[in-house]
Amino acid sequence: MDGQTQTDERWRAMRRQRILEAARMVFARAGFDAASMDDIAFEAGMGKPTLYRYYGGKEKLFDAVFIDALDRLEEALDDAAAREPNGTERLRMMIAAIVPSFREHLASLRTLSGNAAGVERGQRSIFRRRREGLETRLSNAIAYGIETRAFRAIDTRMTAKFVIGMAWSGSVAGRPDEDVSTALCDLLFSGLSSPEGSRT
């Protein structure tokens, strides 16, 4: 790949990210039904034909925003696993990343009308495909906590499923993200703490 091609690829990637960020803001503010490609183009500072060239339409762009959010969430979970040696704090950081991500995108799903049933099915299908990766990261963090004696021995995969489910439910509770994360961690750690109380 020559230098010009690399420059063009970087430029296209930056434009794609700019469109996604603009779409994320417009969907969060207006919801899927009320948001328009004109609104998103204005927010991104570019013409509507450019949006269609990159994403083909509002439904595809809505899905792309959700996929981008899941990509970012996975990066945040990987970062927590790499940076935090304390088992309890590692899991706490992961939960603190999951809750706001779920809240923002569940809020978008809740604004869908009956006419957008296909969009909702698409988002749920995307999440089902990606859920396993989130569960694996949480399961590994719980296993690490067990190995370092932060947590007692427990079924890590099942617990990861519970965490995802509780975060999903808590994100629609209408409470601040920090309150939901704190409540979830309190519930988990009161049952996961090792008998020795070690926090290594």
Protein backbone atom coordinates (compact mmCIF):
# COMPACT_ATOMS: atom_id res chain seq x y z
CA MET A 1 0.00 0.00 0.00
CA ASP A 2 1.54 3.31 -1.07
CA GLY A 3 1.61 6.50 0.98
CA GLN A 4 -1.31 8.13 -0.86
CA THR A 5 -3.50 5.07 -0.37
CA GLN A 6 -2.68 5.01 3.36
CA THR A 7 -3.51 8.71 3.63
CA ASP A 8 -6.82 8.16 1.84
CA GLU A 9 -7.69 5.24 4.14
CA ARG A 10 -6.92 7.31 7.25
CA TRP A 11 -9.02 10.18 5.90
CA ARG A 12 -11.96 7.85 5.20
CA ALA A 13 -11.66 6.29 8.66
CA MET A 14 -11.70 9.74 10.27
CA ARG A 15 -14.74 10.74 8.22
CA ARG A 16 -16.51 7.51 9.15
CA GLN A 17 -15.84 8.16 12.83
CA ARG A 18 -17.07 11.74 12.51
CA ILE A 19 -20.33 10.51 10.98
CA LEU A 20 -20.76 7.91 13.75
CA GLU A 21 -20.17 10.48 16.48
CA ALA A 22 -22.67 12.89 14.91
CA ALA A 23 -25.22 10.09 14.52
CA ARG A 24 -24.71 8.96 18.11
CA MET A 25 -25.47 12.48 19.37
CA VAL A 26 -28.52 12.93 17.14
CA PHE A 27 -30.00 9.50 17.96
CA ALA A 28 -29.42 10.06 21.70
CA ARG A 29 -31.06 13.49 21.51
CA ALA A 30 -33.98 12.78 19.18
CA GLY A 31 -34.42 9.01 19.08
CA PHE A 32 -34.41 6.90 15.94
CA ASP A 33 -37.83 7.92 14.58
CA ALA A 34 -37.37 11.69 14.93
CA ALA A 35 -33.73 11.75 13.80
CA SER A 36 -33.16 12.48 10.14
CA MET A 37 -30.20 12.04 7.83
CA ASP A 38 -30.36 15.82 7.33
CA ASP A 39 -29.89 16.32 11.09
CA ILE A 40 -26.97 13.92 11.16
CA ALA A 41 -25.34 15.47 8.10
CA PHE A 42 -25.64 18.92 9.69
CA GLU A 43 -24.16 17.65 12.97
CA ALA A 44 -21.28 16.02 11.08
CA GLY A 45 -20.69 19.12 8.94
CA MET A 46 -21.02 17.33 5.64
CA GLY A 47 -23.56 16.71 2.88
CA LYS A 48 -26.29 14.08 3.16
CA PRO A 49 -25.06 12.21 0.04
CA THR A 50 -21.80 11.52 1.91
CA LEU A 51 -23.72 9.77 4.70
CA TYR A 52 -25.51 7.56 2.19
CA ARG A 53 -22.22 6.79 0.45
CA TYR A 54 -20.71 5.55 3.71
CA TYR A 55 -23.73 3.93 5.40
CA GLY A 56 -26.57 3.57 2.90
CA GLY A 57 -29.39 4.81 5.12
CA LYS A 58 -30.60 5.62 8.63
CA GLU A 59 -31.15 2.00 9.74
CA LYS A 60 -27.64 0.97 8.69
CA LEU A 61 -26.21 4.02 10.43
CA PHE A 62 -28.17 3.25 13.60
CA ASP A 63 -26.71 -0.27 13.58
CA ALA A 64 -23.21 1.12 12.91
CA VAL A 65 -23.48 3.41 15.94
CA PHE A 66 -24.45 0.43 18.11
CA ILE A 67 -21.60 -1.71 16.76
CA ASP A 68 -19.15 1.15 17.35
CA ALA A 69 -20.39 1.46 20.94
CA LEU A 70 -19.86 -2.27 21.51
CA ASP A 71 -16.36 -1.98 19.99
CA ARG A 72 -15.57 0.84 22.42
CA LEU A 73 -17.03 -1.10 25.33
CA GLU A 74 -14.86 -4.12 24.53
CA GLU A 75 -11.81 -1.83 24.36
CA ALA A 76 -12.69 -0.38 27.78
CA LEU A 77 -13.04 -3.88 29.27
CA ASP A 78 -9.72 -4.95 27.74
CA ASP A 79 -8.08 -1.80 29.08
CA ALA A 80 -9.38 -2.49 32.60
CA ALA A 81 -8.07 -6.06 32.41
CA ALA A 82 -4.64 -4.87 31.26
CA ARG A 83 -4.25 -1.96 33.68
CA GLU A 84 -5.85 -3.02 36.96
CA PRO A 85 -4.05 -5.72 38.99
CA ASN A 86 -6.61 -5.68 41.80
CA GLY A 87 -9.33 -8.24 41.08
CA THR A 88 -12.13 -6.30 42.77
CA GLU A 89 -11.23 -2.99 41.14
CA ARG A 90 -10.83 -4.66 37.74
CA LEU A 91 -14.40 -5.96 37.84
CA ARG A 92 -15.66 -2.67 39.27
CA MET A 93 -14.09 -0.77 36.35
CA MET A 94 -15.68 -3.15 33.88
CA ILE A 95 -19.14 -2.71 35.38
CA ALA A 96 -18.67 1.07 35.41
CA ALA A 97 -18.03 0.88 31.64
CA ILE A 98 -20.91 -1.49 30.86
CA VAL A 99 -23.75 0.39 32.60
CA PRO A 100 -23.56 3.72 30.71
CA SER A 101 -23.03 1.94 27.39
CA PHE A 102 -26.16 -0.14 27.94
CA ARG A 103 -28.16 2.85 29.18
CA GLU A 104 -27.39 5.01 26.18
CA HIS A 105 -28.26 2.38 23.63
CA LEU A 106 -31.25 0.95 25.45
CA ALA A 107 -32.60 4.51 25.59
CA SER A 108 -32.38 4.63 21.80
CA LEU A 109 -34.21 1.30 21.54
CA ARG A 110 -36.97 2.50 23.87
CA THR A 111 -37.74 5.41 21.54
CA LEU A 112 -38.49 3.11 18.60
CA SER A 113 -42.08 3.06 17.38
CA GLY A 114 -43.93 0.00 16.13
CA ASN A 115 -42.91 0.98 12.61
CA ALA A 116 -39.25 0.34 13.52
CA ALA A 117 -39.68 -3.27 14.67
CA GLY A 118 -37.06 -4.37 12.14
CA VAL A 119 -34.56 -1.92 13.57
CA GLU A 120 -35.13 -3.26 17.09
CA ARG A 121 -34.72 -6.85 15.89
CA GLY A 122 -31.48 -5.83 14.18
CA GLN A 123 -30.07 -4.24 17.31
CA ARG A 124 -31.03 -7.23 19.46
CA SER A 125 -29.45 -9.58 16.92
CA ILE A 126 -26.23 -7.55 16.99
CA PHE A 127 -26.18 -7.65 20.78
CA ARG A 128 -26.79 -11.41 20.88
CA ARG A 129 -23.82 -11.95 18.57
CA ARG A 130 -21.55 -9.73 20.64
CA ARG A 131 -22.76 -10.73 24.10
CA GLU A 132 -20.49 -13.77 24.26
CA GLY A 133 -17.39 -11.57 23.94
CA LEU A 134 -18.58 -9.36 26.81
CA GLU A 135 -19.36 -12.40 28.95
CA THR A 136 -15.93 -13.91 28.22
CA ARG A 137 -14.18 -10.73 29.36
CA LEU A 138 -16.21 -10.60 32.56
CA SER A 139 -15.74 -14.32 33.16
CA ASN A 140 -11.97 -13.91 32.81
CA ALA A 141 -12.00 -10.99 35.25
CA ILE A 142 -13.95 -13.04 37.78
CA ALA A 143 -11.57 -16.00 37.30
CA TYR A 144 -8.64 -13.65 37.88
CA GLY A 145 -10.32 -12.44 41.07
CA ILE A 146 -10.67 -16.05 42.23
CA GLU A 147 -7.03 -16.81 41.43
CA THR A 148 -5.86 -13.76 43.40
CA ARG A 149 -8.22 -14.60 46.29
CA ALA A 150 -10.29 -11.45 45.89
CA PHE A 151 -13.37 -13.64 45.25
CA ARG A 152 -14.45 -17.05 46.44
CA ALA A 153 -14.67 -19.90 43.96
CA ILE A 154 -17.81 -19.52 41.83
CA ASP A 155 -19.12 -20.40 38.36
CA THR A 156 -17.45 -17.58 36.43
CA ARG A 157 -19.48 -17.94 33.22
CA MET A 158 -22.84 -17.97 34.97
CA THR A 159 -21.83 -15.01 37.12
CA ALA A 160 -20.79 -13.10 34.00
CA LYS A 161 -24.24 -13.77 32.52
CA PHE A 162 -25.83 -12.46 35.72
CA VAL A 163 -23.70 -9.31 35.59
CA ILE A 164 -24.74 -8.62 32.00
CA GLY A 165 -28.40 -9.20 32.87
CA MET A 166 -28.31 -7.02 35.98
CA ALA A 167 -26.47 -4.23 34.16
CA TRP A 168 -29.02 -4.43 31.33
CA SER A 169 -31.92 -4.20 33.81
CA GLY A 170 -30.28 -1.52 35.94
CA SER A 171 -29.55 0.68 32.95
CA VAL A 172 -33.29 1.27 32.44
CA ALA A 173 -33.98 2.03 36.11
CA GLY A 174 -33.84 5.79 35.58
CA ARG A 175 -31.04 6.18 38.13
CA PRO A 176 -27.62 7.76 37.52
CA ASP A 177 -25.06 5.36 36.03
CA GLU A 178 -22.83 5.62 39.09
CA ASP A 179 -25.71 4.61 41.40
CA VAL A 180 -26.49 1.58 39.24
CA SER A 181 -22.83 0.52 39.05
CA THR A 182 -22.38 0.97 42.81
CA ALA A 183 -25.50 -1.03 43.63
CA LEU A 184 -24.47 -3.84 41.29
CA CYS A 185 -20.94 -3.97 42.72
CA ASP A 186 -22.24 -3.95 46.30
CA LEU A 187 -24.51 -6.88 45.50
CA LEU A 188 -21.75 -8.80 43.76
CA PHE A 189 -18.94 -8.20 46.19
CA SER A 190 -20.93 -8.99 49.29
CA GLY A 191 -21.35 -12.46 47.79
CA LEU A 192 -17.96 -12.76 46.05
CA SER A 193 -15.60 -11.69 48.82
CA SER A 194 -13.23 -14.44 49.88
CA PRO A 195 -13.35 -15.74 53.47
CA GLU A 196 -9.88 -14.25 54.02
CA GLY A 197 -11.08 -10.86 52.84
CA SER A 198 -7.97 -10.51 50.64
CA ARG A 199 -7.95 -7.64 48.14
CA THR A 200 -4.75 -8.52 46.27
